[in-house]
N, C-alpha and C. Protein backbone atom coordinates (compact mmCIF):
# COMPACT_ATOMS: atom_id res chain seq x y z
N MET A 1 -15.68 3.50 207.67
CA MET A 1 -16.75 2.35 206.95
C MET A 1 -16.73 2.55 205.16
N PRO A 2 -16.50 2.02 204.01
CA PRO A 2 -16.08 1.92 203.11
C PRO A 2 -18.03 2.36 202.81
N SER A 3 -17.32 3.25 201.65
CA SER A 3 -18.64 3.55 200.72
C SER A 3 -19.99 2.46 200.24
N GLN A 4 -21.00 2.63 199.58
CA GLN A 4 -21.78 1.28 199.59
C GLN A 4 -21.27 0.99 197.33
N SER A 5 -20.82 2.43 197.28
CA SER A 5 -20.30 2.03 196.17
C SER A 5 -19.51 2.83 195.32
N LYS A 6 -18.69 2.75 194.49
CA LYS A 6 -17.21 3.75 193.93
C LYS A 6 -18.13 5.16 193.33
N ASP A 7 -19.29 5.08 192.96
CA ASP A 7 -19.81 6.72 192.86
C ASP A 7 -19.95 6.94 193.92
N ALA A 8 -20.96 6.45 194.73
CA ALA A 8 -21.14 7.08 195.82
C ALA A 8 -20.17 8.05 196.49
N GLY A 9 -18.94 7.00 196.73
CA GLY A 9 -18.07 7.16 198.00
C GLY A 9 -17.45 8.94 196.63
N GLY A 10 -17.23 9.10 195.52
CA GLY A 10 -17.40 10.23 195.06
C GLY A 10 -17.92 10.97 195.34
N VAL A 11 -19.09 11.14 195.65
CA VAL A 11 -20.14 11.74 195.62
C VAL A 11 -20.19 12.79 196.72
N ALA A 12 -20.36 11.31 198.32
CA ALA A 12 -19.99 11.97 199.24
C ALA A 12 -18.73 12.49 199.64
N GLY A 13 -17.28 12.24 199.00
CA GLY A 13 -16.06 13.10 199.18
C GLY A 13 -16.09 14.69 198.94
N ARG A 14 -17.28 14.70 197.86
CA ARG A 14 -17.85 16.50 197.08
C ARG A 14 -18.54 17.02 197.82
N TYR A 15 -19.32 16.10 198.33
CA TYR A 15 -20.12 17.17 199.62
C TYR A 15 -19.57 17.04 200.91
N ALA A 16 -18.64 16.14 201.45
CA ALA A 16 -17.95 16.49 202.30
C ALA A 16 -16.84 17.86 202.39
N SER A 17 -15.87 17.64 200.64
CA SER A 17 -15.19 18.60 200.76
C SER A 17 -15.85 19.56 200.36
N ALA A 18 -16.64 20.11 199.72
CA ALA A 18 -17.55 21.62 199.76
C ALA A 18 -18.09 22.05 201.32
N PHE A 19 -18.66 21.12 202.15
CA PHE A 19 -18.89 21.23 203.49
C PHE A 19 -17.45 21.62 204.40
N TYR A 20 -16.47 21.60 203.68
CA TYR A 20 -15.32 21.89 205.11
C TYR A 20 -14.70 23.10 204.56
N GLU A 21 -14.67 23.49 203.07
CA GLU A 21 -14.69 24.42 202.77
C GLU A 21 -15.92 25.87 203.60
N LEU A 22 -17.00 25.19 203.50
CA LEU A 22 -17.98 26.61 204.00
C LEU A 22 -17.70 26.36 205.31
N ALA A 23 -17.11 25.46 206.54
CA ALA A 23 -17.02 25.43 207.75
C ALA A 23 -15.95 26.44 208.10
N ASP A 24 -14.95 26.18 206.89
CA ASP A 24 -13.52 26.32 207.77
C ASP A 24 -13.68 27.87 206.82
N ALA A 25 -14.14 28.44 206.29
CA ALA A 25 -14.84 29.57 205.93
C ALA A 25 -15.57 30.42 207.15
N ASP A 26 -16.17 29.84 207.68
CA ASP A 26 -17.04 29.82 208.88
C ASP A 26 -16.59 29.88 210.10
N LYS A 27 -15.26 29.41 210.55
CA LYS A 27 -14.29 29.11 211.43
C LYS A 27 -14.94 28.41 212.23
N ALA A 28 -15.53 27.31 211.74
CA ALA A 28 -16.51 26.59 212.51
C ALA A 28 -15.96 24.95 212.43
N LEU A 29 -14.69 24.70 212.14
CA LEU A 29 -14.94 23.46 212.17
C LEU A 29 -14.61 22.59 212.94
N ASP A 30 -14.14 22.92 214.01
CA ASP A 30 -14.57 22.01 215.36
C ASP A 30 -15.84 21.98 215.75
N ARG A 31 -17.23 22.73 215.69
CA ARG A 31 -17.97 22.41 216.02
C ARG A 31 -19.14 21.84 214.86
N VAL A 32 -18.98 21.84 213.47
CA VAL A 32 -19.28 20.69 212.53
C VAL A 32 -18.61 19.58 212.98
N ALA A 33 -18.14 19.60 213.13
CA ALA A 33 -16.86 17.82 213.52
C ALA A 33 -17.38 17.60 214.31
N ASP A 34 -17.91 18.21 215.62
CA ASP A 34 -18.69 17.76 216.79
C ASP A 34 -20.11 17.37 216.41
N ASP A 35 -20.40 18.03 215.26
CA ASP A 35 -21.58 17.77 215.45
C ASP A 35 -21.68 16.47 214.13
N LEU A 36 -21.23 16.29 213.65
CA LEU A 36 -20.91 14.95 212.65
C LEU A 36 -20.77 13.93 213.30
N ARG A 37 -20.22 13.92 214.26
CA ARG A 37 -18.88 12.88 215.65
C ARG A 37 -20.73 12.15 215.48
N ASN A 38 -21.43 13.86 216.23
CA ASN A 38 -22.32 13.01 217.10
C ASN A 38 -23.64 12.66 216.05
N LEU A 39 -23.95 12.85 214.98
CA LEU A 39 -24.87 12.30 214.02
C LEU A 39 -24.61 11.11 213.75
N ARG A 40 -23.31 10.84 213.62
CA ARG A 40 -23.11 9.76 213.29
C ARG A 40 -22.98 8.47 214.42
N ALA A 41 -23.12 8.89 215.75
CA ALA A 41 -23.41 8.13 216.95
C ALA A 41 -25.02 7.94 217.48
N MET A 42 -25.55 8.94 217.18
CA MET A 42 -27.25 8.90 216.95
C MET A 42 -27.72 7.74 215.67
N CYS A 43 -27.09 7.78 214.59
CA CYS A 43 -28.15 6.81 213.07
C CYS A 43 -26.85 5.49 214.36
N GLU A 44 -25.69 5.07 214.67
CA GLU A 44 -25.76 4.09 215.04
C GLU A 44 -26.52 3.57 216.22
N GLN A 45 -26.64 4.22 216.86
CA GLN A 45 -27.59 3.68 218.20
C GLN A 45 -28.85 4.16 218.29
N SER A 46 -29.21 4.61 216.72
CA SER A 46 -30.95 4.47 216.41
C SER A 46 -31.09 4.00 215.90
N PRO A 47 -31.63 2.41 215.19
CA PRO A 47 -32.13 1.99 213.88
C PRO A 47 -33.29 2.90 213.16
N GLU A 48 -34.30 3.61 213.88
CA GLU A 48 -34.96 4.37 213.89
C GLU A 48 -34.70 5.30 212.52
N LEU A 49 -33.84 6.25 213.45
CA LEU A 49 -33.01 7.39 212.84
C LEU A 49 -32.01 6.95 211.70
N ALA A 50 -31.31 5.64 211.42
CA ALA A 50 -30.70 4.86 209.99
C ALA A 50 -31.71 4.95 209.15
N ARG A 51 -32.87 4.33 209.42
CA ARG A 51 -33.72 3.95 208.56
C ARG A 51 -34.52 5.56 207.99
N LEU A 52 -34.43 6.25 208.92
CA LEU A 52 -34.97 7.90 208.22
C LEU A 52 -34.19 8.28 207.00
N VAL A 53 -32.64 7.80 207.53
CA VAL A 53 -31.66 8.68 206.36
C VAL A 53 -31.53 8.07 205.39
N ALA A 54 -31.55 6.64 205.78
CA ALA A 54 -31.35 5.93 204.27
C ALA A 54 -32.44 5.40 203.52
N SER A 55 -33.89 5.98 203.65
CA SER A 55 -35.20 5.71 203.46
C SER A 55 -35.47 6.32 201.94
N PRO A 56 -35.13 5.82 201.12
CA PRO A 56 -35.36 6.27 199.64
C PRO A 56 -37.41 6.23 199.58
N VAL A 57 -37.95 5.43 200.34
CA VAL A 57 -39.66 5.84 200.16
C VAL A 57 -39.38 7.51 200.37
N LEU A 58 -39.42 8.02 201.73
CA LEU A 58 -39.99 9.46 202.50
C LEU A 58 -39.14 10.51 201.26
N SER A 59 -40.23 11.35 201.29
CA SER A 59 -39.98 12.37 200.14
C SER A 59 -39.07 13.31 200.73
N ARG A 60 -38.50 14.04 199.53
CA ARG A 60 -37.01 15.00 200.11
C ARG A 60 -37.76 16.00 201.20
N ASP A 61 -38.77 16.38 201.15
CA ASP A 61 -39.47 17.47 202.24
C ASP A 61 -39.16 16.74 203.63
N ALA A 62 -39.92 15.71 203.40
CA ALA A 62 -40.70 14.47 204.87
C ALA A 62 -38.76 14.22 205.58
N GLN A 63 -37.69 14.21 204.73
CA GLN A 63 -36.70 13.79 204.97
C GLN A 63 -35.67 15.10 205.62
N ALA A 64 -35.81 16.55 205.13
CA ALA A 64 -35.30 17.18 205.31
C ALA A 64 -36.14 18.07 206.35
N ALA A 65 -37.01 18.13 206.41
CA ALA A 65 -37.79 18.47 207.77
C ALA A 65 -37.79 17.57 208.98
N ALA A 66 -37.29 16.44 208.96
CA ALA A 66 -37.17 15.20 209.90
C ALA A 66 -36.04 15.56 210.49
N ILE A 67 -34.31 15.68 209.94
CA ILE A 67 -33.65 15.63 209.85
C ILE A 67 -32.77 17.26 210.43
N THR A 68 -33.70 18.01 209.78
CA THR A 68 -33.24 20.00 210.41
C THR A 68 -33.91 19.30 212.24
N ALA A 69 -35.30 18.98 211.98
CA ALA A 69 -35.75 19.30 213.68
C ALA A 69 -35.17 18.54 213.85
N LEU A 70 -34.69 17.40 214.24
CA LEU A 70 -33.53 16.67 215.09
C LEU A 70 -32.08 17.35 215.35
N ALA A 71 -31.91 18.11 213.66
CA ALA A 71 -30.71 18.76 214.36
C ALA A 71 -30.40 19.91 215.24
N GLU A 72 -32.02 20.28 215.01
CA GLU A 72 -31.88 21.93 215.78
C GLU A 72 -32.22 21.06 217.20
N LYS A 73 -32.79 20.35 217.57
CA LYS A 73 -32.93 19.94 218.60
C LYS A 73 -32.23 19.66 219.51
N THR A 74 -30.75 18.91 218.89
CA THR A 74 -29.88 18.71 219.27
C THR A 74 -28.77 19.62 219.32
N GLY A 75 -29.33 20.68 218.88
CA GLY A 75 -28.61 22.41 219.06
C GLY A 75 -27.58 22.21 218.14
N PHE A 76 -27.45 22.01 217.07
CA PHE A 76 -26.51 21.57 216.09
C PHE A 76 -25.93 23.25 215.18
N HIS A 77 -24.96 23.32 215.16
CA HIS A 77 -24.35 25.01 214.40
C HIS A 77 -25.40 25.05 213.19
N GLN A 78 -26.08 26.32 212.80
CA GLN A 78 -26.73 26.65 211.76
C GLN A 78 -25.90 26.15 210.23
N LEU A 79 -24.77 26.30 210.21
CA LEU A 79 -23.78 25.76 209.38
C LEU A 79 -24.60 24.02 208.86
N THR A 80 -24.18 22.75 210.05
CA THR A 80 -24.68 21.48 209.67
C THR A 80 -26.07 21.61 209.57
N LEU A 81 -27.31 22.58 210.11
CA LEU A 81 -28.23 22.55 209.92
C LEU A 81 -28.69 22.41 208.36
N LYS A 82 -28.00 23.43 207.78
CA LYS A 82 -28.55 23.76 206.03
C LYS A 82 -27.70 22.72 205.51
N PHE A 83 -26.29 22.34 206.13
CA PHE A 83 -25.91 21.19 204.99
C PHE A 83 -27.24 19.31 205.44
N LEU A 84 -27.10 19.78 206.17
CA LEU A 84 -28.31 18.59 206.36
C LEU A 84 -29.30 18.66 205.77
N GLY A 85 -29.74 19.59 205.66
CA GLY A 85 -31.10 20.51 205.17
C GLY A 85 -30.95 20.09 203.40
N THR A 86 -30.10 20.63 203.38
CA THR A 86 -29.30 20.10 201.31
C THR A 86 -29.14 19.20 200.96
N LEU A 87 -28.52 17.81 201.31
CA LEU A 87 -28.20 16.41 201.50
C LEU A 87 -29.89 15.92 200.89
N ALA A 88 -30.83 16.06 201.91
CA ALA A 88 -32.01 15.62 202.08
C ALA A 88 -32.85 16.07 200.83
N LYS A 89 -32.80 17.37 200.50
CA LYS A 89 -33.07 17.85 199.63
C LYS A 89 -32.51 17.69 198.04
N ASN A 90 -31.68 17.04 198.15
CA ASN A 90 -30.69 16.69 196.85
C ASN A 90 -31.01 15.37 197.19
N ARG A 91 -31.50 14.18 197.86
CA ARG A 91 -31.99 13.34 198.08
C ARG A 91 -30.09 12.62 197.88
N ARG A 92 -29.31 12.99 198.92
CA ARG A 92 -28.25 12.18 199.14
C ARG A 92 -28.26 12.09 200.59
N LEU A 93 -29.38 12.08 201.59
CA LEU A 93 -29.02 12.18 202.75
C LEU A 93 -28.29 11.05 203.08
N GLY A 94 -28.96 9.89 201.98
CA GLY A 94 -28.85 7.99 202.41
C GLY A 94 -26.87 8.06 202.74
N LEU A 95 -25.82 9.23 202.28
CA LEU A 95 -24.92 9.32 201.97
C LEU A 95 -23.95 9.78 203.09
N VAL A 96 -24.69 10.63 204.14
CA VAL A 96 -24.60 11.16 205.34
C VAL A 96 -23.34 10.11 206.09
N ARG A 97 -23.32 9.48 206.52
CA ARG A 97 -22.24 8.60 207.04
C ARG A 97 -20.72 8.00 206.29
N ASP A 98 -21.17 8.29 204.88
CA ASP A 98 -20.12 8.34 204.00
C ASP A 98 -19.32 10.06 203.86
N VAL A 99 -20.32 11.10 203.92
CA VAL A 99 -20.20 12.34 204.72
C VAL A 99 -19.15 12.28 205.43
N ILE A 100 -19.54 12.11 206.49
CA ILE A 100 -19.14 12.53 207.25
C ILE A 100 -18.05 11.75 207.72
N SER A 101 -17.59 10.47 207.30
CA SER A 101 -16.41 10.26 207.11
C SER A 101 -15.10 10.89 206.36
N ALA A 102 -15.48 11.19 205.19
CA ALA A 102 -14.80 11.78 204.15
C ALA A 102 -14.31 13.19 204.94
N PHE A 103 -15.44 14.05 205.62
CA PHE A 103 -15.28 14.97 206.19
C PHE A 103 -14.44 15.41 207.29
N LEU A 104 -14.53 14.17 208.22
CA LEU A 104 -13.55 13.87 209.45
C LEU A 104 -11.84 13.52 208.71
N ALA A 105 -11.79 12.99 207.94
CA ALA A 105 -10.21 12.49 207.36
C ALA A 105 -9.76 13.26 206.65
N GLU A 106 -10.84 14.13 206.18
CA GLU A 106 -10.52 15.44 205.87
C GLU A 106 -9.50 16.28 206.14
N LEU A 107 -10.56 16.27 207.82
CA LEU A 107 -10.30 17.05 208.86
C LEU A 107 -8.84 16.72 209.29
N ALA A 108 -8.36 15.55 209.80
CA ALA A 108 -7.28 14.67 210.56
C ALA A 108 -6.37 15.22 209.38
N ARG A 109 -6.13 14.95 208.13
CA ARG A 109 -5.25 15.28 206.89
C ARG A 109 -5.00 16.48 206.75
N ARG A 110 -5.95 17.55 206.99
CA ARG A 110 -5.24 18.80 207.06
C ARG A 110 -4.55 19.12 208.24
N ARG A 111 -5.05 18.79 208.91
CA ARG A 111 -4.13 19.14 210.31
C ARG A 111 -2.98 18.02 210.85
N GLY A 112 -3.00 17.31 210.06
CA GLY A 112 -1.40 16.45 210.05
C GLY A 112 -1.84 15.39 211.31
N GLU A 113 -3.00 14.55 210.58
CA GLU A 113 -2.80 13.70 212.65
C GLU A 113 -3.60 12.67 211.53
N VAL A 114 -3.39 11.94 212.10
CA VAL A 114 -3.38 10.12 211.62
C VAL A 114 -4.94 10.10 212.17
N THR A 115 -5.92 9.25 211.77
CA THR A 115 -7.01 8.88 212.22
C THR A 115 -7.12 7.52 212.30
N ALA A 116 -7.59 7.18 213.80
CA ALA A 116 -7.62 5.81 214.20
C ALA A 116 -8.93 5.52 214.55
N GLU A 117 -10.00 4.68 214.08
CA GLU A 117 -11.00 4.51 214.59
C GLU A 117 -10.77 3.34 215.57
N VAL A 118 -11.01 3.79 216.54
CA VAL A 118 -11.38 2.98 217.68
C VAL A 118 -12.63 2.12 218.53
N VAL A 119 -12.72 0.79 218.75
CA VAL A 119 -14.24 0.29 218.57
C VAL A 119 -13.73 -0.74 219.94
N SER A 120 -15.21 -0.39 220.77
CA SER A 120 -15.23 -0.56 221.82
C SER A 120 -16.63 -1.23 222.40
N ALA A 121 -16.91 -1.89 223.32
CA ALA A 121 -17.75 -2.87 223.48
C ALA A 121 -18.59 -2.01 224.33
N MET A 122 -18.48 -0.59 225.11
CA MET A 122 -19.26 -0.04 225.83
C MET A 122 -18.06 1.42 225.53
N ALA A 123 -18.83 2.27 225.68
CA ALA A 123 -18.55 3.79 225.45
C ALA A 123 -17.49 4.02 226.59
N LEU A 124 -15.71 4.43 225.93
CA LEU A 124 -14.60 4.24 227.09
C LEU A 124 -14.95 5.91 227.34
N LYS A 125 -14.09 5.92 228.46
CA LYS A 125 -14.34 7.29 229.58
C LYS A 125 -13.21 8.04 228.86
N PRO A 126 -13.50 9.25 228.67
CA PRO A 126 -12.15 10.37 228.30
C PRO A 126 -10.80 9.80 228.44
N ALA A 127 -10.57 9.75 229.63
CA ALA A 127 -9.06 9.46 230.19
C ALA A 127 -8.83 8.05 229.68
N TYR A 128 -9.56 6.67 229.57
CA TYR A 128 -9.23 5.88 228.37
C TYR A 128 -8.90 6.53 227.15
N LEU A 129 -9.62 6.48 226.43
CA LEU A 129 -9.40 7.36 225.09
C LEU A 129 -8.05 8.16 225.39
N ASP A 130 -7.72 8.79 225.93
CA ASP A 130 -6.48 9.65 225.85
C ASP A 130 -5.46 9.07 225.95
N ARG A 131 -5.53 7.80 226.59
CA ARG A 131 -4.46 7.01 227.09
C ARG A 131 -4.27 6.11 225.81
N VAL A 132 -5.05 5.65 224.84
CA VAL A 132 -5.46 5.06 223.75
C VAL A 132 -4.54 5.62 222.64
N ARG A 133 -4.92 7.15 222.64
CA ARG A 133 -4.53 8.18 221.52
C ARG A 133 -2.92 8.45 221.79
N ASP A 134 -2.78 9.08 223.02
CA ASP A 134 -0.93 8.52 223.43
C ASP A 134 -0.18 7.65 223.09
N ALA A 135 -0.89 6.07 223.38
CA ALA A 135 -0.16 4.96 222.81
C ALA A 135 0.17 5.10 221.46
N LEU A 136 -0.90 4.93 220.95
CA LEU A 136 -1.13 5.43 219.27
C LEU A 136 0.00 6.15 218.73
N ALA A 137 -0.13 7.36 219.58
CA ALA A 137 0.87 8.59 219.14
C ALA A 137 2.25 8.22 219.42
N ALA A 138 2.65 7.43 220.19
CA ALA A 138 4.08 7.40 220.99
C ALA A 138 4.75 6.24 219.74
N ALA A 139 3.07 4.88 219.24
CA ALA A 139 3.86 3.73 218.29
C ALA A 139 4.01 4.33 216.59
N LEU A 140 2.79 5.45 216.16
CA LEU A 140 2.95 6.05 215.40
C LEU A 140 3.82 7.04 215.02
N GLY A 141 4.21 7.85 215.70
CA GLY A 141 5.00 9.11 215.69
C GLY A 141 4.30 10.28 214.82
N ALA A 142 3.34 10.32 215.01
CA ALA A 142 2.81 11.33 214.54
C ALA A 142 0.91 11.89 215.92
N LYS A 143 0.75 12.83 215.13
CA LYS A 143 -0.73 13.19 215.90
C LYS A 143 -1.85 11.94 215.52
N VAL A 144 -2.34 11.83 216.91
CA VAL A 144 -3.38 10.98 216.24
C VAL A 144 -5.14 11.51 216.36
N ALA A 145 -5.87 11.44 215.83
CA ALA A 145 -7.76 11.47 215.77
C ALA A 145 -8.18 10.59 215.92
N LEU A 146 -8.50 9.98 217.07
CA LEU A 146 -9.74 8.85 217.48
C LEU A 146 -10.90 9.05 216.98
N GLU A 147 -11.62 7.62 216.51
CA GLU A 147 -13.22 7.88 216.27
C GLU A 147 -13.78 6.87 216.90
N PRO A 148 -14.11 7.11 217.93
CA PRO A 148 -14.18 6.13 218.92
C PRO A 148 -16.03 5.37 218.36
N ARG A 149 -16.04 4.17 218.17
CA ARG A 149 -17.34 3.76 218.25
C ARG A 149 -17.61 2.40 218.96
N VAL A 150 -19.07 2.02 219.09
CA VAL A 150 -19.16 1.44 220.06
C VAL A 150 -20.17 -0.04 219.64
N ASP A 151 -19.36 -1.01 220.24
CA ASP A 151 -20.26 -2.41 218.89
C ASP A 151 -20.47 -3.49 220.18
N ALA A 152 -21.45 -4.11 220.94
CA ALA A 152 -21.41 -4.61 221.66
C ALA A 152 -20.62 -6.13 221.69
N ALA A 153 -20.83 -7.09 220.60
CA ALA A 153 -20.70 -7.35 219.75
C ALA A 153 -19.33 -8.28 220.10
N ILE A 154 -18.43 -6.99 220.03
CA ILE A 154 -16.77 -7.42 220.18
C ILE A 154 -16.68 -7.92 221.77
N ILE A 155 -18.03 -7.61 222.75
CA ILE A 155 -17.58 -8.19 223.71
C ILE A 155 -16.95 -7.64 224.92
N GLY A 156 -15.49 -7.37 224.52
CA GLY A 156 -14.98 -6.85 225.35
C GLY A 156 -13.65 -6.32 224.95
N GLY A 157 -12.67 -5.75 225.47
CA GLY A 157 -11.28 -5.76 224.65
C GLY A 157 -11.59 -4.23 223.62
N LEU A 158 -11.14 -4.00 222.60
CA LEU A 158 -10.50 -3.50 221.77
C LEU A 158 -10.38 -3.79 220.08
N LYS A 159 -10.98 -2.81 219.41
CA LYS A 159 -10.23 -3.12 218.06
C LYS A 159 -9.64 -1.98 217.40
N VAL A 160 -8.49 -1.77 217.11
CA VAL A 160 -7.93 -0.71 216.60
C VAL A 160 -7.62 -0.79 214.85
N ARG A 161 -8.23 0.46 214.21
CA ARG A 161 -7.94 0.70 212.83
C ARG A 161 -7.26 1.40 212.71
N VAL A 162 -6.16 1.40 211.96
CA VAL A 162 -5.53 2.99 211.00
C VAL A 162 -5.16 2.53 210.00
N GLY A 163 -5.80 3.37 209.46
CA GLY A 163 -5.49 3.19 207.80
C GLY A 163 -6.24 1.73 207.37
N SER A 164 -5.58 1.16 206.79
CA SER A 164 -5.54 -0.51 206.15
C SER A 164 -4.51 -1.41 207.31
N LYS A 165 -4.41 -0.85 208.58
CA LYS A 165 -3.82 -1.82 209.75
C LYS A 165 -4.98 -1.84 210.46
N MET A 166 -5.18 -3.05 211.37
CA MET A 166 -5.79 -3.63 212.10
C MET A 166 -5.25 -4.36 213.31
N VAL A 167 -5.46 -3.50 214.73
CA VAL A 167 -5.44 -4.54 215.62
C VAL A 167 -6.85 -4.88 216.24
N ASP A 168 -6.46 -6.59 216.70
CA ASP A 168 -8.24 -6.67 216.88
C ASP A 168 -7.66 -7.51 218.46
N ALA A 169 -8.21 -6.93 219.26
CA ALA A 169 -7.70 -7.21 220.57
C ALA A 169 -8.82 -8.02 221.54
N SER A 170 -9.88 -8.12 220.90
CA SER A 170 -11.51 -8.18 221.35
C SER A 170 -11.45 -9.40 222.23
N ILE A 171 -12.33 -9.67 222.54
CA ILE A 171 -12.90 -10.97 223.53
C ILE A 171 -13.74 -11.64 222.69
N ALA A 172 -14.49 -11.23 221.84
CA ALA A 172 -15.06 -12.13 220.81
C ALA A 172 -14.17 -12.96 219.64
N THR A 173 -13.03 -12.42 219.11
CA THR A 173 -11.88 -12.71 218.18
C THR A 173 -11.09 -13.56 218.78
N LYS A 174 -10.81 -13.47 220.26
CA LYS A 174 -10.30 -14.54 221.26
C LYS A 174 -10.75 -16.02 221.56
N LEU A 175 -12.01 -15.46 221.38
CA LEU A 175 -13.45 -16.91 222.05
C LEU A 175 -13.43 -17.88 220.78
N GLN A 176 -13.28 -16.98 219.20
CA GLN A 176 -13.61 -17.52 218.15
C GLN A 176 -11.73 -18.41 217.59
N LYS A 177 -10.92 -17.82 218.22
CA LYS A 177 -9.46 -18.25 217.44
C LYS A 177 -9.86 -19.68 218.84
N LEU A 178 -9.85 -19.37 219.75
CA LEU A 178 -9.69 -20.56 221.02
C LEU A 178 -11.09 -22.07 220.37
N ARG A 179 -12.02 -21.34 219.73
CA ARG A 179 -12.81 -22.35 219.15
C ARG A 179 -12.31 -23.29 218.20
N PHE A 180 -11.92 -22.63 217.21
CA PHE A 180 -11.16 -23.06 216.05
C PHE A 180 -9.95 -23.89 216.71
N SER A 181 -9.51 -23.64 217.10
CA SER A 181 -8.14 -24.36 218.34
C SER A 181 -8.58 -25.54 218.67
N MET A 182 -10.10 -25.52 219.04
CA MET A 182 -10.53 -26.88 219.43
C MET A 182 -10.71 -27.49 218.82
N LYS A 183 -10.92 -27.18 217.94
CA LYS A 183 -11.58 -27.73 216.85
C LYS A 183 -10.78 -28.64 216.28
N GLY A 184 -9.46 -27.97 216.26
CA GLY A 184 -8.66 -29.05 215.70
C GLY A 184 -7.79 -29.89 216.41
N ILE A 185 -7.99 -30.06 217.59
CA ILE A 185 -7.50 -30.74 219.08
C ILE A 185 -8.01 -31.97 218.80
N GLY A 186 -9.49 -31.77 218.86
CA GLY A 186 -10.94 -33.32 218.61
C GLY A 186 -10.50 -34.36 217.62
């Protein structure tokens, strides 16, 4: 997901880089990455949480208390708890999605992986994700880290984005193409 502004991407990147170094030193990269993926999924599934994270109206302390309580209840790693609290205290919690993307991209880069975003109409079972990962790895000739997302608007099928390349095999796109071709006939 692109950052909301050029400056926000730079700030998000700096926070992600600092958080990566802390997680690496604590030998908690995988655990922290799982926490961040879970938080991103929660933000996508809960409009209330997305509003809480992005709200400029809430005070720093209120945002910090809310996000810390959520992270504790979810069982996030202590480092993730502190980092989210720091983002809130510095009025940067609104950048959390950009920070998550930058952190996961850095993790994949350092592991020599290519990151692929896979969008489906419903959550895919791990066996299906493994098949997609294997097919992409064979096609790209590299290790692939998947970032699954759910978007019911695509109706069915998949959208896969690797870097600037995208394959859109969604039913919504196929219906749109059919609609355009039908308009041309009439």
